N, C-alpha and C. Protein backbone atom coordinates (compact mmCIF):
# COMPACT_ATOMS: atom_id res chain seq x y z
N MET A 1 -18.11 -6.53 5.74
CA MET A 1 -17.20 -5.68 6.46
C MET A 1 -16.69 -4.60 5.52
N LYS A 2 -16.63 -3.37 6.01
CA LYS A 2 -16.18 -2.25 5.21
C LYS A 2 -14.66 -2.27 5.06
N LYS A 3 -14.21 -1.94 3.86
CA LYS A 3 -12.77 -1.83 3.64
C LYS A 3 -12.24 -0.64 4.43
N ARG A 4 -11.09 -0.80 5.00
CA ARG A 4 -10.52 0.28 5.79
C ARG A 4 -9.77 1.28 4.91
N PHE A 5 -9.15 0.79 3.86
CA PHE A 5 -8.37 1.65 2.98
C PHE A 5 -8.95 1.60 1.58
N THR A 6 -9.07 2.77 0.95
CA THR A 6 -9.57 2.81 -0.41
C THR A 6 -8.46 2.42 -1.37
N GLU A 7 -8.85 2.07 -2.56
CA GLU A 7 -7.86 1.72 -3.59
C GLU A 7 -6.94 2.91 -3.86
N GLU A 8 -7.49 4.12 -3.83
CA GLU A 8 -6.69 5.31 -4.07
C GLU A 8 -5.62 5.49 -3.00
N GLN A 9 -5.96 5.19 -1.74
CA GLN A 9 -4.99 5.31 -0.66
C GLN A 9 -3.85 4.31 -0.86
N ILE A 10 -4.19 3.10 -1.22
CA ILE A 10 -3.17 2.08 -1.43
C ILE A 10 -2.30 2.44 -2.63
N ILE A 11 -2.90 2.96 -3.69
CA ILE A 11 -2.13 3.38 -4.86
C ILE A 11 -1.16 4.50 -4.48
N GLY A 12 -1.59 5.40 -3.63
CA GLY A 12 -0.70 6.46 -3.16
C GLY A 12 0.52 5.91 -2.45
N VAL A 13 0.32 4.90 -1.62
CA VAL A 13 1.43 4.26 -0.92
C VAL A 13 2.34 3.56 -1.93
N LEU A 14 1.75 2.90 -2.91
CA LEU A 14 2.54 2.20 -3.92
C LEU A 14 3.39 3.17 -4.74
N LYS A 15 2.86 4.36 -5.01
CA LYS A 15 3.63 5.37 -5.74
C LYS A 15 4.82 5.84 -4.93
N GLU A 16 4.63 5.96 -3.61
CA GLU A 16 5.76 6.32 -2.75
C GLU A 16 6.83 5.24 -2.80
N ALA A 17 6.40 3.98 -2.86
CA ALA A 17 7.35 2.87 -2.93
C ALA A 17 8.12 2.92 -4.24
N GLU A 18 7.46 3.28 -5.32
CA GLU A 18 8.14 3.39 -6.61
C GLU A 18 9.21 4.48 -6.57
N ALA A 19 8.98 5.49 -5.72
CA ALA A 19 9.95 6.59 -5.60
C ALA A 19 11.16 6.18 -4.76
N GLY A 20 11.13 4.97 -4.19
CA GLY A 20 12.31 4.47 -3.50
C GLY A 20 12.15 4.20 -2.02
N ALA A 21 10.98 4.45 -1.45
CA ALA A 21 10.78 4.18 -0.02
C ALA A 21 10.62 2.69 0.21
N LYS A 22 11.00 2.23 1.39
CA LYS A 22 10.90 0.81 1.72
C LYS A 22 9.48 0.48 2.15
N ALA A 23 9.03 -0.71 1.78
CA ALA A 23 7.66 -1.14 2.05
C ALA A 23 7.34 -1.12 3.54
N ALA A 24 8.22 -1.66 4.36
CA ALA A 24 7.95 -1.73 5.80
C ALA A 24 7.80 -0.34 6.41
N GLU A 25 8.64 0.60 5.98
CA GLU A 25 8.55 1.97 6.49
C GLU A 25 7.24 2.63 6.07
N LEU A 26 6.85 2.42 4.81
CA LEU A 26 5.59 3.00 4.32
C LEU A 26 4.39 2.44 5.07
N CYS A 27 4.42 1.16 5.33
CA CYS A 27 3.30 0.52 6.03
C CYS A 27 3.15 1.11 7.43
N ARG A 28 4.27 1.28 8.12
CA ARG A 28 4.22 1.88 9.46
C ARG A 28 3.71 3.32 9.38
N LYS A 29 4.22 4.07 8.42
CA LYS A 29 3.86 5.49 8.27
C LYS A 29 2.36 5.66 8.02
N HIS A 30 1.79 4.80 7.19
CA HIS A 30 0.39 4.93 6.79
C HIS A 30 -0.56 4.06 7.61
N GLY A 31 -0.02 3.22 8.48
CA GLY A 31 -0.86 2.40 9.34
C GLY A 31 -1.52 1.24 8.62
N ILE A 32 -0.87 0.71 7.60
CA ILE A 32 -1.42 -0.46 6.91
C ILE A 32 -0.51 -1.66 7.16
N SER A 33 -1.06 -2.84 7.00
CA SER A 33 -0.24 -4.04 7.17
C SER A 33 0.55 -4.29 5.89
N GLU A 34 1.64 -5.02 6.04
CA GLU A 34 2.41 -5.37 4.85
C GLU A 34 1.60 -6.27 3.94
N ALA A 35 0.72 -7.08 4.50
CA ALA A 35 -0.14 -7.93 3.67
C ALA A 35 -1.05 -7.08 2.79
N THR A 36 -1.60 -6.00 3.34
CA THR A 36 -2.44 -5.09 2.56
C THR A 36 -1.61 -4.44 1.45
N TYR A 37 -0.40 -4.04 1.79
CA TYR A 37 0.49 -3.42 0.80
C TYR A 37 0.75 -4.37 -0.36
N TYR A 38 1.15 -5.60 -0.04
CA TYR A 38 1.50 -6.55 -1.10
C TYR A 38 0.27 -7.01 -1.88
N THR A 39 -0.87 -7.10 -1.23
CA THR A 39 -2.11 -7.43 -1.94
C THR A 39 -2.45 -6.31 -2.92
N GLY A 40 -2.32 -5.07 -2.48
CA GLY A 40 -2.57 -3.93 -3.36
C GLY A 40 -1.60 -3.88 -4.51
N ARG A 41 -0.35 -4.19 -4.23
CA ARG A 41 0.66 -4.19 -5.29
C ARG A 41 0.34 -5.25 -6.34
N ARG A 42 -0.08 -6.42 -5.87
CA ARG A 42 -0.40 -7.51 -6.80
C ARG A 42 -1.64 -7.16 -7.63
N SER A 43 -2.65 -6.56 -7.00
CA SER A 43 -3.90 -6.28 -7.73
C SER A 43 -3.75 -5.12 -8.71
N THR A 44 -2.86 -4.17 -8.44
CA THR A 44 -2.69 -3.06 -9.37
C THR A 44 -1.71 -3.40 -10.48
N ALA A 45 -0.92 -4.44 -10.30
CA ALA A 45 0.04 -4.83 -11.33
C ALA A 45 -0.63 -5.58 -12.48
N ALA A 46 -1.80 -6.12 -12.23
CA ALA A 46 -2.50 -6.93 -13.25
C ALA A 46 -3.07 -6.10 -14.36
């Protein structure tokens, strides 16, 4: 199955979160699930 969001897209969302936006709001804005957000956050933190 093809990934729907690229790593770059998820990193962009994570950068917005670092700037102070709330995770739930960002997920709605970008159309991603919170699970995708937190998985991306965990994988980029390593």
